[in-house]
N, C-alpha and C. Protein backbone atom coordinates (compact mmCIF):
# COMPACT_ATOMS: atom_id res chain seq x y z
N MET A 1 0.86 -1.17 -0.02
CA MET A 1 -0.01 0.06 0.00
C MET A 1 0.88 1.29 0.05
N ILE A 2 0.88 2.05 -1.04
CA ILE A 2 1.69 3.18 -1.21
C ILE A 2 0.68 4.44 -1.10
N THR A 3 1.17 5.38 -0.33
CA THR A 3 0.25 6.74 -0.21
C THR A 3 1.00 7.76 -0.65
N ALA A 4 0.52 8.61 -1.64
CA ALA A 4 1.05 9.85 -2.12
C ALA A 4 0.59 10.97 -1.29
N LEU A 5 1.43 11.73 -0.71
CA LEU A 5 1.12 13.08 0.02
C LEU A 5 1.33 14.41 -0.86
N TYR A 6 0.40 15.08 -0.98
CA TYR A 6 0.44 16.33 -1.83
C TYR A 6 0.14 17.51 -0.91
N LEU A 7 1.23 18.22 -0.51
CA LEU A 7 1.02 19.38 0.29
C LEU A 7 1.16 20.65 -0.54
N ALA A 8 0.07 21.46 -0.51
CA ALA A 8 0.21 22.50 -1.41
C ALA A 8 -0.85 23.69 -0.94
N HIS A 9 -0.62 24.84 -1.60
CA HIS A 9 -1.58 26.02 -1.27
C HIS A 9 -2.88 25.67 -1.82
N LEU A 10 -2.92 25.29 -3.09
CA LEU A 10 -4.15 24.94 -3.84
C LEU A 10 -5.13 26.08 -3.71
N ASN A 11 -4.74 27.31 -4.01
CA ASN A 11 -5.53 28.61 -3.78
C ASN A 11 -5.52 29.51 -4.94
N PRO A 12 -6.29 29.20 -5.92
CA PRO A 12 -7.35 28.11 -6.08
C PRO A 12 -6.60 26.84 -6.82
N VAL A 13 -7.31 25.85 -6.92
CA VAL A 13 -7.02 24.54 -7.60
C VAL A 13 -7.03 24.80 -9.10
N THR A 14 -5.81 24.79 -9.80
CA THR A 14 -5.68 25.06 -11.21
C THR A 14 -5.59 23.72 -11.94
N LYS A 15 -5.79 23.82 -13.23
CA LYS A 15 -5.44 22.61 -14.17
C LYS A 15 -4.12 21.88 -13.81
N ALA A 16 -3.04 22.80 -13.49
CA ALA A 16 -1.86 22.17 -13.35
C ALA A 16 -2.05 21.25 -12.07
N HIS A 17 -2.64 21.78 -10.96
CA HIS A 17 -2.88 20.86 -9.81
C HIS A 17 -3.58 19.51 -10.22
N VAL A 18 -4.63 19.71 -11.07
CA VAL A 18 -5.38 18.57 -11.38
C VAL A 18 -4.59 17.49 -12.21
N GLU A 19 -3.60 17.98 -13.04
CA GLU A 19 -2.76 17.10 -13.72
C GLU A 19 -1.87 16.29 -12.76
N ILE A 20 -1.33 17.10 -11.78
CA ILE A 20 -0.34 16.50 -10.90
C ILE A 20 -1.14 15.40 -10.03
N ILE A 21 -2.33 15.60 -9.56
CA ILE A 21 -3.00 14.74 -8.82
C ILE A 21 -3.45 13.34 -9.67
N GLU A 22 -3.76 13.67 -10.99
CA GLU A 22 -4.06 12.51 -11.81
C GLU A 22 -2.73 11.61 -12.01
N GLU A 23 -1.66 12.29 -11.99
CA GLU A 23 -0.23 11.41 -12.13
C GLU A 23 -0.08 10.68 -10.93
N LEU A 24 -0.37 11.32 -9.75
CA LEU A 24 -0.07 10.71 -8.53
C LEU A 24 -1.03 9.53 -8.24
N LYS A 25 -2.25 9.70 -8.78
CA LYS A 25 -3.23 8.46 -8.75
C LYS A 25 -2.51 7.21 -9.48
N LYS A 26 -1.84 7.42 -10.41
CA LYS A 26 -1.21 6.38 -11.21
C LYS A 26 -0.15 5.76 -10.35
N ASP A 27 0.54 6.56 -9.54
CA ASP A 27 1.74 5.96 -8.85
C ASP A 27 1.44 5.61 -7.46
N ALA A 28 0.30 5.77 -7.01
CA ALA A 28 0.00 5.37 -5.49
C ALA A 28 -1.48 4.70 -5.40
N ASP A 29 -1.44 3.93 -4.34
CA ASP A 29 -2.83 3.40 -4.05
C ASP A 29 -3.73 4.45 -3.45
N ILE A 30 -3.25 5.32 -2.73
CA ILE A 30 -3.90 6.32 -1.95
C ILE A 30 -3.34 7.73 -2.22
N VAL A 31 -4.02 8.67 -2.64
CA VAL A 31 -3.61 9.98 -2.72
C VAL A 31 -4.17 10.84 -1.71
N LYS A 32 -3.41 11.50 -0.82
CA LYS A 32 -3.84 12.29 0.31
C LYS A 32 -3.45 13.82 0.02
N VAL A 33 -4.32 14.49 -0.39
CA VAL A 33 -4.17 15.93 -0.67
C VAL A 33 -4.34 16.91 0.52
N MET A 34 -3.44 17.69 0.91
CA MET A 34 -3.55 18.57 1.99
C MET A 34 -3.35 19.94 1.65
N PRO A 35 -4.45 20.78 1.35
CA PRO A 35 -4.40 22.32 1.18
C PRO A 35 -3.83 22.87 2.60
N VAL A 36 -2.93 23.80 2.40
CA VAL A 36 -2.39 24.29 3.63
C VAL A 36 -3.37 25.16 4.28
N VAL A 37 -3.49 25.11 5.75
CA VAL A 37 -4.38 25.97 6.47
C VAL A 37 -3.53 26.72 7.50
N PHE A 38 -3.91 27.93 7.74
CA PHE A 38 -3.31 28.67 8.92
C PHE A 38 -4.37 29.05 9.81
N LYS A 39 -4.23 28.64 11.10
CA LYS A 39 -5.24 28.95 12.05
C LYS A 39 -4.93 29.79 13.25
N TYR A 40 -5.79 30.77 13.71
CA TYR A 40 -5.63 31.49 14.80
C TYR A 40 -6.65 31.09 15.81
N GLY A 41 -6.38 30.32 16.80
CA GLY A 41 -7.38 29.73 17.43
C GLY A 41 -8.33 28.85 16.65
N GLU A 42 -9.69 29.02 16.67
CA GLU A 42 -10.56 28.22 15.73
C GLU A 42 -10.72 29.02 14.36
N LYS A 43 -10.23 30.16 14.16
CA LYS A 43 -10.44 30.96 13.05
C LYS A 43 -9.34 30.59 12.05
N GLU A 44 -9.76 30.34 10.77
CA GLU A 44 -8.79 30.20 9.66
C GLU A 44 -8.56 31.62 9.13
N ILE A 45 -7.17 31.74 8.92
CA ILE A 45 -6.74 33.05 8.40
C ILE A 45 -6.64 33.13 6.93
N ASN A 46 -7.34 34.08 6.25
CA ASN A 46 -7.19 34.11 4.77
C ASN A 46 -6.67 35.48 4.43
N SER A 47 -6.15 35.66 3.29
CA SER A 47 -5.52 36.90 2.87
C SER A 47 -5.45 36.90 1.31
N LYS A 48 -4.89 37.97 0.75
CA LYS A 48 -4.93 38.06 -0.64
C LYS A 48 -4.21 36.93 -1.34
N SER A 49 -3.13 36.36 -0.57
CA SER A 49 -2.30 35.33 -1.13
C SER A 49 -3.15 33.98 -0.89
N PHE A 50 -3.86 33.92 0.18
CA PHE A 50 -4.68 32.64 0.37
C PHE A 50 -6.13 33.14 0.57
N PRO A 51 -6.96 33.38 -0.42
CA PRO A 51 -8.16 33.85 -0.41
C PRO A 51 -9.29 32.68 -0.06
N PHE A 52 -9.18 31.67 -0.55
CA PHE A 52 -10.20 30.73 -0.36
C PHE A 52 -9.96 29.79 0.90
N ASN A 53 -10.99 29.62 1.73
CA ASN A 53 -10.76 28.78 2.92
C ASN A 53 -10.68 27.33 2.65
N PHE A 54 -10.31 26.45 3.62
CA PHE A 54 -10.22 25.02 3.36
C PHE A 54 -11.48 24.47 2.80
N GLU A 55 -12.62 24.78 3.36
CA GLU A 55 -13.86 24.10 2.87
C GLU A 55 -14.04 24.34 1.35
N THR A 56 -13.79 25.54 0.97
CA THR A 56 -13.94 25.86 -0.52
C THR A 56 -13.00 25.19 -1.36
N ARG A 57 -11.68 25.13 -0.88
CA ARG A 57 -10.57 24.29 -1.73
C ARG A 57 -11.07 22.83 -1.81
N LYS A 58 -11.68 22.33 -0.61
CA LYS A 58 -11.94 20.86 -0.66
C LYS A 58 -13.14 20.73 -1.67
N LYS A 59 -14.03 21.62 -1.61
CA LYS A 59 -15.12 21.46 -2.68
C LYS A 59 -14.55 21.64 -3.99
N MET A 60 -13.67 22.41 -4.34
CA MET A 60 -12.91 22.41 -5.66
C MET A 60 -12.41 21.05 -5.90
N LEU A 61 -11.61 20.39 -4.98
CA LEU A 61 -10.98 19.24 -5.21
C LEU A 61 -12.16 18.05 -5.53
N GLU A 62 -13.10 18.09 -4.70
CA GLU A 62 -14.27 17.15 -4.81
C GLU A 62 -14.86 17.17 -6.13
N SER A 63 -15.02 18.49 -6.59
CA SER A 63 -15.70 18.72 -7.91
C SER A 63 -15.06 17.95 -8.97
N VAL A 64 -13.66 17.63 -8.96
CA VAL A 64 -13.02 16.99 -10.00
C VAL A 64 -12.86 15.68 -9.61
N PHE A 65 -12.50 15.24 -8.37
CA PHE A 65 -12.03 13.91 -8.06
C PHE A 65 -12.96 13.06 -7.28
N GLY A 66 -14.22 13.73 -6.80
CA GLY A 66 -15.07 13.06 -5.99
C GLY A 66 -14.33 12.29 -4.80
N ASP A 67 -14.69 11.07 -4.44
CA ASP A 67 -14.02 10.45 -3.31
C ASP A 67 -12.79 9.56 -3.73
N SER A 68 -12.25 9.86 -4.90
CA SER A 68 -11.18 8.93 -5.35
C SER A 68 -9.87 9.44 -4.69
N ILE A 69 -9.79 10.58 -3.97
CA ILE A 69 -8.74 11.01 -3.23
C ILE A 69 -9.18 11.37 -1.76
N GLN A 70 -8.07 11.44 -0.95
CA GLN A 70 -8.42 11.84 0.52
C GLN A 70 -7.93 13.28 0.58
N ILE A 71 -8.93 14.18 1.20
CA ILE A 71 -8.60 15.50 1.44
C ILE A 71 -8.68 15.86 2.86
N THR A 72 -7.54 16.24 3.56
CA THR A 72 -7.47 16.51 4.97
C THR A 72 -6.97 17.89 5.14
N ASP A 73 -7.25 18.37 6.37
CA ASP A 73 -6.57 19.71 6.84
C ASP A 73 -5.38 19.27 7.82
N ASP A 74 -4.77 18.22 7.58
CA ASP A 74 -3.60 17.91 8.48
C ASP A 74 -2.29 18.83 8.27
N TYR A 75 -2.35 19.43 7.12
CA TYR A 75 -1.19 20.46 6.81
C TYR A 75 -1.56 21.75 7.31
N ALA A 76 -1.70 21.87 8.71
CA ALA A 76 -2.25 23.06 9.30
C ALA A 76 -1.24 23.63 10.25
N PHE A 77 -1.06 25.03 10.19
CA PHE A 77 -0.22 25.75 11.09
C PHE A 77 -1.09 26.47 12.07
N PHE A 78 -0.57 26.51 13.33
CA PHE A 78 -1.31 27.18 14.41
C PHE A 78 -0.62 28.37 14.99
N ALA A 79 -1.11 29.48 15.11
CA ALA A 79 -0.56 30.71 15.56
C ALA A 79 -0.14 30.44 17.02
N PRO A 80 1.04 31.08 17.49
CA PRO A 80 1.79 31.97 16.66
C PRO A 80 2.70 31.18 15.70
N PHE A 81 2.82 31.58 14.39
CA PHE A 81 3.47 30.90 13.44
C PHE A 81 4.98 30.80 13.46
N LYS A 82 5.56 31.86 14.28
CA LYS A 82 6.92 31.94 14.39
C LYS A 82 7.56 30.82 15.21
N LYS A 83 6.55 30.11 15.96
CA LYS A 83 7.06 28.95 16.78
C LYS A 83 7.50 27.77 15.84
N TYR A 84 7.16 27.82 14.52
CA TYR A 84 7.60 26.71 13.61
C TYR A 84 9.12 27.00 13.27
N MET A 85 9.52 28.27 13.59
CA MET A 85 10.92 28.53 13.07
C MET A 85 11.85 28.45 14.15
N PRO A 86 13.15 28.19 13.92
CA PRO A 86 13.61 27.86 12.77
C PRO A 86 13.21 26.44 12.30
N PRO A 87 12.98 26.12 11.09
CA PRO A 87 12.78 24.64 10.68
C PRO A 87 13.80 23.69 11.33
N LEU A 88 13.25 22.65 11.61
CA LEU A 88 14.19 21.41 12.02
C LEU A 88 14.44 21.56 13.57
N LEU A 89 14.88 22.77 13.97
CA LEU A 89 15.16 22.94 15.47
C LEU A 89 13.89 23.24 16.28
N SER A 90 12.93 23.65 15.72
CA SER A 90 11.65 23.91 16.41
C SER A 90 10.85 22.64 16.64
N PRO A 91 10.57 22.31 17.86
CA PRO A 91 9.63 21.10 18.16
C PRO A 91 8.33 21.09 17.40
N LYS A 92 7.90 22.37 17.35
CA LYS A 92 6.53 22.43 16.68
C LYS A 92 6.60 22.08 15.18
N SER A 93 7.76 22.24 14.48
CA SER A 93 7.90 21.93 13.03
C SER A 93 7.83 20.22 12.99
N TRP A 94 8.38 19.62 14.02
CA TRP A 94 8.37 18.11 14.01
C TRP A 94 6.88 17.71 14.36
N LYS A 95 6.16 18.48 15.18
CA LYS A 95 4.84 18.20 15.53
C LYS A 95 3.89 18.21 14.25
N LEU A 96 4.36 19.12 13.37
CA LEU A 96 3.57 19.25 11.98
C LEU A 96 3.81 18.13 11.14
N ARG A 97 5.08 17.60 11.24
CA ARG A 97 5.40 16.31 10.38
C ARG A 97 4.40 15.14 11.04
N LYS A 98 4.24 15.09 12.19
CA LYS A 98 3.38 14.00 12.84
C LYS A 98 1.92 14.18 12.27
N GLN A 99 1.36 15.45 12.29
CA GLN A 99 0.06 15.80 11.82
C GLN A 99 -0.01 15.29 10.32
N ILE A 100 0.94 15.63 9.64
CA ILE A 100 0.97 15.37 8.11
C ILE A 100 0.82 13.76 7.92
N LEU A 101 1.58 13.08 8.75
CA LEU A 101 1.52 11.58 8.52
C LEU A 101 0.38 10.97 9.30
N ARG A 102 -0.57 11.57 9.83
CA ARG A 102 -1.57 11.05 10.65
C ARG A 102 -2.47 10.16 9.76
N GLY A 103 -2.64 8.94 10.19
CA GLY A 103 -3.43 7.92 9.40
C GLY A 103 -2.69 7.34 8.22
N VAL A 104 -1.49 7.71 7.99
CA VAL A 104 -0.82 7.02 6.94
C VAL A 104 -0.14 5.71 7.35
N GLU A 105 -0.63 4.72 6.57
CA GLU A 105 -0.17 3.36 6.96
C GLU A 105 0.68 2.80 5.64
N GLY A 106 1.77 2.02 6.02
CA GLY A 106 2.51 1.57 4.94
C GLY A 106 3.52 2.43 4.35
N ASP A 107 4.04 2.31 2.97
CA ASP A 107 4.97 3.15 2.41
C ASP A 107 4.24 4.39 1.89
N PHE A 108 5.10 5.42 1.86
CA PHE A 108 4.56 6.68 1.34
C PHE A 108 5.56 7.61 0.72
N PHE A 109 5.15 8.52 -0.08
CA PHE A 109 6.18 9.55 -0.51
C PHE A 109 5.32 10.83 -0.64
N SER A 110 6.10 11.95 -0.77
CA SER A 110 5.45 13.29 -0.87
C SER A 110 5.85 13.87 -2.30
N TYR A 111 5.07 14.70 -2.86
CA TYR A 111 5.35 15.16 -4.00
C TYR A 111 5.59 16.77 -4.00
N THR A 112 6.59 17.25 -4.75
CA THR A 112 6.60 18.66 -4.93
C THR A 112 7.33 19.02 -6.26
N GLY A 113 6.99 20.13 -6.90
CA GLY A 113 7.47 20.56 -8.06
C GLY A 113 8.68 21.49 -7.92
N ASP A 114 9.07 21.66 -6.58
CA ASP A 114 10.00 22.81 -6.22
C ASP A 114 11.30 22.12 -5.56
N LYS A 115 12.48 22.31 -6.18
CA LYS A 115 13.70 21.64 -5.52
C LYS A 115 14.01 21.99 -4.15
N ALA A 116 13.78 23.26 -3.81
CA ALA A 116 14.22 23.74 -2.45
C ALA A 116 13.14 23.15 -1.43
N GLU A 117 11.92 23.12 -1.83
CA GLU A 117 10.85 22.36 -0.98
C GLU A 117 11.28 20.90 -0.78
N GLY A 118 11.65 20.31 -1.92
CA GLY A 118 12.13 18.93 -1.99
C GLY A 118 13.07 18.63 -0.87
N TYR A 119 14.05 19.62 -0.83
CA TYR A 119 15.19 19.43 0.07
C TYR A 119 14.66 19.47 1.53
N MET A 120 13.60 20.43 1.83
CA MET A 120 13.08 20.43 3.14
C MET A 120 12.15 19.14 3.43
N LEU A 121 11.56 18.66 2.53
CA LEU A 121 10.72 17.43 2.73
C LEU A 121 11.68 16.38 2.96
N LYS A 122 12.93 16.33 2.38
CA LYS A 122 13.81 15.18 2.63
C LYS A 122 14.30 15.22 4.10
N ILE A 123 14.65 16.44 4.49
CA ILE A 123 15.21 16.66 5.94
C ILE A 123 14.06 16.13 6.76
N TYR A 124 12.93 16.36 6.53
CA TYR A 124 11.84 15.94 7.44
C TYR A 124 11.48 14.50 7.31
N ARG A 125 12.20 13.77 6.43
CA ARG A 125 11.98 12.41 6.21
C ARG A 125 10.56 12.19 5.60
N LEU A 126 10.13 12.96 4.73
CA LEU A 126 8.89 12.70 4.07
C LEU A 126 8.99 12.10 2.54
N LYS A 127 10.18 11.67 2.28
CA LYS A 127 10.35 10.93 1.07
C LYS A 127 9.94 11.60 -0.18
N PRO A 128 10.46 12.84 -0.47
CA PRO A 128 10.01 13.56 -1.60
C PRO A 128 10.28 12.98 -3.07
N LYS A 129 9.34 12.96 -3.95
CA LYS A 129 9.49 12.81 -5.36
C LYS A 129 9.46 14.30 -5.85
N ILE A 130 10.43 14.63 -6.52
CA ILE A 130 10.44 15.99 -7.20
C ILE A 130 9.91 15.95 -8.70
N GLY A 131 8.85 16.61 -8.93
CA GLY A 131 8.35 16.53 -10.41
C GLY A 131 8.69 17.96 -10.99
N GLU A 132 8.17 17.97 -12.28
CA GLU A 132 8.51 19.00 -13.10
C GLU A 132 7.73 20.31 -12.70
N ARG A 133 8.32 21.41 -12.51
CA ARG A 133 7.43 22.54 -12.16
C ARG A 133 6.54 22.97 -13.22
N ARG A 134 5.23 23.05 -13.07
CA ARG A 134 4.32 23.52 -14.02
C ARG A 134 4.52 25.00 -14.30
N SER A 135 4.16 25.41 -15.57
CA SER A 135 4.21 26.86 -15.91
C SER A 135 3.02 27.59 -15.41
N LEU A 136 1.85 26.82 -15.23
CA LEU A 136 0.74 27.54 -14.65
C LEU A 136 0.88 27.54 -13.14
N SER A 137 0.66 28.69 -12.64
CA SER A 137 0.76 28.90 -11.14
C SER A 137 -0.74 29.42 -10.60
N ALA A 138 -1.00 29.06 -9.43
CA ALA A 138 -2.12 29.58 -8.84
C ALA A 138 -2.04 31.05 -8.51
N SER A 139 -0.85 31.63 -8.28
CA SER A 139 -0.64 33.03 -8.16
C SER A 139 -1.01 33.82 -9.49
N SER A 140 -0.69 33.37 -10.65
CA SER A 140 -1.08 34.02 -11.98
C SER A 140 -2.58 34.01 -12.04
N VAL A 141 -3.27 32.80 -11.64
CA VAL A 141 -4.71 32.65 -11.79
C VAL A 141 -5.29 33.79 -10.79
N LYS A 142 -4.80 33.82 -9.62
CA LYS A 142 -5.28 34.87 -8.66
C LYS A 142 -5.25 36.31 -9.12
N GLU A 143 -4.16 36.57 -9.71
CA GLU A 143 -3.97 37.87 -10.32
C GLU A 143 -4.94 38.28 -11.41
N LYS A 144 -5.17 37.22 -12.31
CA LYS A 144 -6.29 37.44 -13.28
C LYS A 144 -7.70 37.68 -12.69
N MET A 145 -7.83 36.85 -11.67
CA MET A 145 -9.24 37.03 -11.01
C MET A 145 -9.29 38.44 -10.37
N TYR A 146 -8.27 38.95 -9.76
CA TYR A 146 -8.22 40.22 -9.16
C TYR A 146 -8.42 41.33 -10.24
N ASP A 147 -7.74 41.12 -11.42
CA ASP A 147 -7.80 42.07 -12.47
C ASP A 147 -9.37 42.09 -12.99
N ALA A 148 -10.13 40.81 -13.01
CA ALA A 148 -11.36 40.76 -13.44
C ALA A 148 -12.21 41.59 -12.59
N VAL A 149 -12.09 41.55 -11.31
CA VAL A 149 -12.82 42.40 -10.35
C VAL A 149 -12.77 43.89 -10.70
N SER A 150 -11.55 44.43 -11.36
CA SER A 150 -11.55 45.83 -11.69
C SER A 150 -12.02 46.12 -13.03
N GLY A 151 -12.56 44.98 -13.68
CA GLY A 151 -13.34 45.26 -15.01
C GLY A 151 -12.54 44.78 -16.18
N LYS A 152 -11.17 44.29 -15.94
CA LYS A 152 -10.59 43.82 -17.09
C LYS A 152 -10.94 42.50 -17.56
N ASP A 153 -10.90 42.27 -18.84
CA ASP A 153 -11.16 41.00 -19.70
C ASP A 153 -10.21 40.04 -19.37
N THR A 154 -10.19 39.17 -18.55
CA THR A 154 -9.02 38.17 -18.20
C THR A 154 -9.50 36.78 -18.58
N SER A 155 -8.46 35.92 -18.77
CA SER A 155 -8.68 34.41 -19.15
C SER A 155 -8.59 33.43 -17.95
N TRP A 156 -8.96 33.92 -16.75
CA TRP A 156 -8.76 33.02 -15.58
C TRP A 156 -9.42 31.71 -15.63
N LYS A 157 -10.66 31.77 -16.33
CA LYS A 157 -11.42 30.58 -16.45
C LYS A 157 -10.74 29.47 -17.32
N ASP A 158 -9.93 29.95 -18.20
CA ASP A 158 -9.10 28.86 -19.02
C ASP A 158 -8.07 28.09 -18.10
N ASP A 159 -7.75 28.62 -17.00
CA ASP A 159 -6.75 27.96 -16.22
C ASP A 159 -7.32 26.97 -15.10
N VAL A 160 -8.66 26.84 -15.04
CA VAL A 160 -9.30 25.98 -14.04
C VAL A 160 -10.32 25.21 -14.75
N THR A 161 -10.75 24.09 -14.19
CA THR A 161 -11.83 23.20 -14.71
C THR A 161 -13.12 24.01 -14.64
N GLU A 162 -14.10 23.59 -15.65
CA GLU A 162 -15.30 24.31 -15.43
C GLU A 162 -16.13 24.24 -14.01
N ASN A 163 -15.91 22.97 -13.46
CA ASN A 163 -16.59 22.79 -11.99
C ASN A 163 -15.97 23.78 -10.93
N ILE A 164 -14.67 23.97 -11.24
CA ILE A 164 -14.00 24.77 -10.22
C ILE A 164 -14.26 26.29 -10.58
N ALA A 165 -14.35 26.73 -11.81
CA ALA A 165 -14.83 28.08 -12.20
C ALA A 165 -16.16 28.41 -11.64
N ASN A 166 -17.04 27.44 -11.55
CA ASN A 166 -18.39 27.58 -11.00
C ASN A 166 -18.32 27.81 -9.57
N ILE A 167 -17.48 27.13 -8.83
CA ILE A 167 -17.33 27.29 -7.42
C ILE A 167 -16.60 28.65 -7.10
N ILE A 168 -15.77 29.05 -7.94
CA ILE A 168 -15.13 30.30 -7.75
C ILE A 168 -16.06 31.43 -7.97
N GLU A 169 -17.01 31.32 -8.86
CA GLU A 169 -18.04 32.36 -9.25
C GLU A 169 -18.98 32.39 -8.05
N ASP A 170 -19.31 31.22 -7.51
CA ASP A 170 -20.19 31.10 -6.30
C ASP A 170 -19.60 31.81 -5.07
N ASN A 171 -18.22 31.97 -5.10
CA ASN A 171 -17.46 32.64 -3.95
C ASN A 171 -16.84 33.86 -4.45
N TRP A 172 -17.39 34.59 -5.48
CA TRP A 172 -16.88 35.70 -6.04
C TRP A 172 -16.76 36.88 -5.01
N GLU A 173 -17.46 36.90 -4.07
CA GLU A 173 -17.45 37.99 -2.96
C GLU A 173 -15.97 37.85 -2.27
N THR A 174 -15.45 36.58 -2.24
CA THR A 174 -14.28 36.51 -1.62
C THR A 174 -13.17 37.06 -2.42
N VAL A 175 -13.25 36.86 -3.70
CA VAL A 175 -12.33 37.56 -4.54
C VAL A 175 -12.36 39.05 -4.48
N GLU A 176 -13.64 39.37 -4.54
CA GLU A 176 -13.79 40.94 -4.41
C GLU A 176 -13.28 41.42 -3.08
N GLU A 177 -13.46 40.73 -2.10
CA GLU A 177 -12.98 41.19 -0.84
C GLU A 177 -11.48 41.49 -0.83
N PHE A 178 -10.76 40.54 -1.35
CA PHE A 178 -9.26 40.69 -1.36
C PHE A 178 -8.56 41.38 -2.46
N ALA A 179 -9.28 41.70 -3.52
CA ALA A 179 -8.73 42.19 -4.83
C ALA A 179 -8.00 43.48 -4.52
N ASN A 180 -8.50 44.45 -3.69
CA ASN A 180 -7.87 45.74 -3.47
C ASN A 180 -7.13 45.86 -2.29
N MET A 181 -7.01 44.69 -1.61
CA MET A 181 -6.22 44.79 -0.41
C MET A 181 -4.70 44.77 -0.38
N GLU A 182 -4.03 44.96 0.54
CA GLU A 182 -2.53 44.73 0.50
C GLU A 182 -2.32 43.32 0.83
N ASP A 183 -1.11 42.84 0.33
CA ASP A 183 -1.00 41.32 0.64
C ASP A 183 -0.43 41.23 2.04
N ALA A 184 -1.22 40.77 2.90
CA ALA A 184 -0.87 40.77 4.44
C ALA A 184 -0.07 39.37 4.64
N THR A 185 1.01 38.97 3.96
CA THR A 185 1.79 37.97 4.20
C THR A 185 3.26 38.37 4.34
N ARG A 186 3.94 37.36 5.00
CA ARG A 186 5.45 37.56 5.05
C ARG A 186 6.14 36.27 4.65
N ARG A 187 7.17 36.43 4.02
CA ARG A 187 8.01 35.22 3.50
C ARG A 187 9.07 35.03 4.50
N VAL A 188 9.15 33.58 4.99
CA VAL A 188 10.06 33.39 6.04
C VAL A 188 10.65 31.95 5.50
N ALA A 189 11.96 31.76 5.34
CA ALA A 189 12.47 30.52 5.14
C ALA A 189 11.87 29.77 3.91
N GLY A 190 11.59 30.66 2.91
CA GLY A 190 11.01 30.28 1.59
C GLY A 190 9.60 30.07 1.60
N MET A 191 8.85 30.24 2.66
CA MET A 191 7.37 30.02 2.74
C MET A 191 6.65 31.11 3.15
N LYS A 192 5.45 31.44 2.50
CA LYS A 192 4.55 32.52 2.96
C LYS A 192 3.77 32.22 4.08
N PHE A 193 3.67 33.17 5.12
CA PHE A 193 2.91 33.01 6.30
C PHE A 193 1.98 34.31 6.32
N PRO A 194 0.74 34.21 6.77
CA PRO A 194 -0.01 35.49 7.25
C PRO A 194 0.68 36.18 8.25
N LYS A 195 0.59 37.53 8.03
CA LYS A 195 1.13 38.48 9.11
C LYS A 195 0.36 38.29 10.47
N GLU A 196 -0.99 38.07 10.12
CA GLU A 196 -1.81 37.97 11.30
C GLU A 196 -1.63 36.63 12.06
N GLY A 197 -1.22 36.65 13.18
CA GLY A 197 -0.94 35.37 13.86
C GLY A 197 0.49 34.89 13.78
N TRP A 198 1.38 35.70 13.16
CA TRP A 198 2.73 35.40 13.10
C TRP A 198 3.30 35.41 14.52
N SER A 199 2.87 36.46 15.33
CA SER A 199 3.32 36.56 16.73
C SER A 199 2.11 36.88 17.48
N THR A 200 2.10 36.48 18.90
CA THR A 200 0.92 36.89 19.65
C THR A 200 1.27 37.85 20.70
N ASP A 201 2.53 38.36 20.51
CA ASP A 201 3.13 39.34 21.53
C ASP A 201 2.21 40.69 21.27
């Protein structure tokens, strides 16, 4: 029994993500997809970089894959996020590894298209397989959606499946909410974290 772990932002789920998951389904018996979640107490923190909450991203994945994959929120960071730093030395970062492997039985591997991320996954003994980085990014799709809010004619729907486009349209108020906001995130050790919840001081 081989489990493939796919840890990603998936915000939103693009056609590139769909391709990756389809490939993982050929290489593993179980594909466990974990959209990253940032929590401050019981509240999920969303921002311009992470507009759609976990439940909406789960719906996006289910609209394409049904129950043929497992979708969990085990890739979750809990405020204060600075306690996960520095990686490897922080006990909280090893606790995150335990969360990610919750319920995984038998052999497993994790997937990434990023070499630096692959190095981190290797250090955490998550057995990474490094794939080819896709040219289509969720960031570019978000930018197109935010441009559409300001009235520009953009092609964001070409970058997602029809089902996912419908879910995004059903949650268009979320896109409108973040379109004109500053990006309230900070990059630390190659990863983006929300500024809210970074420190509770």
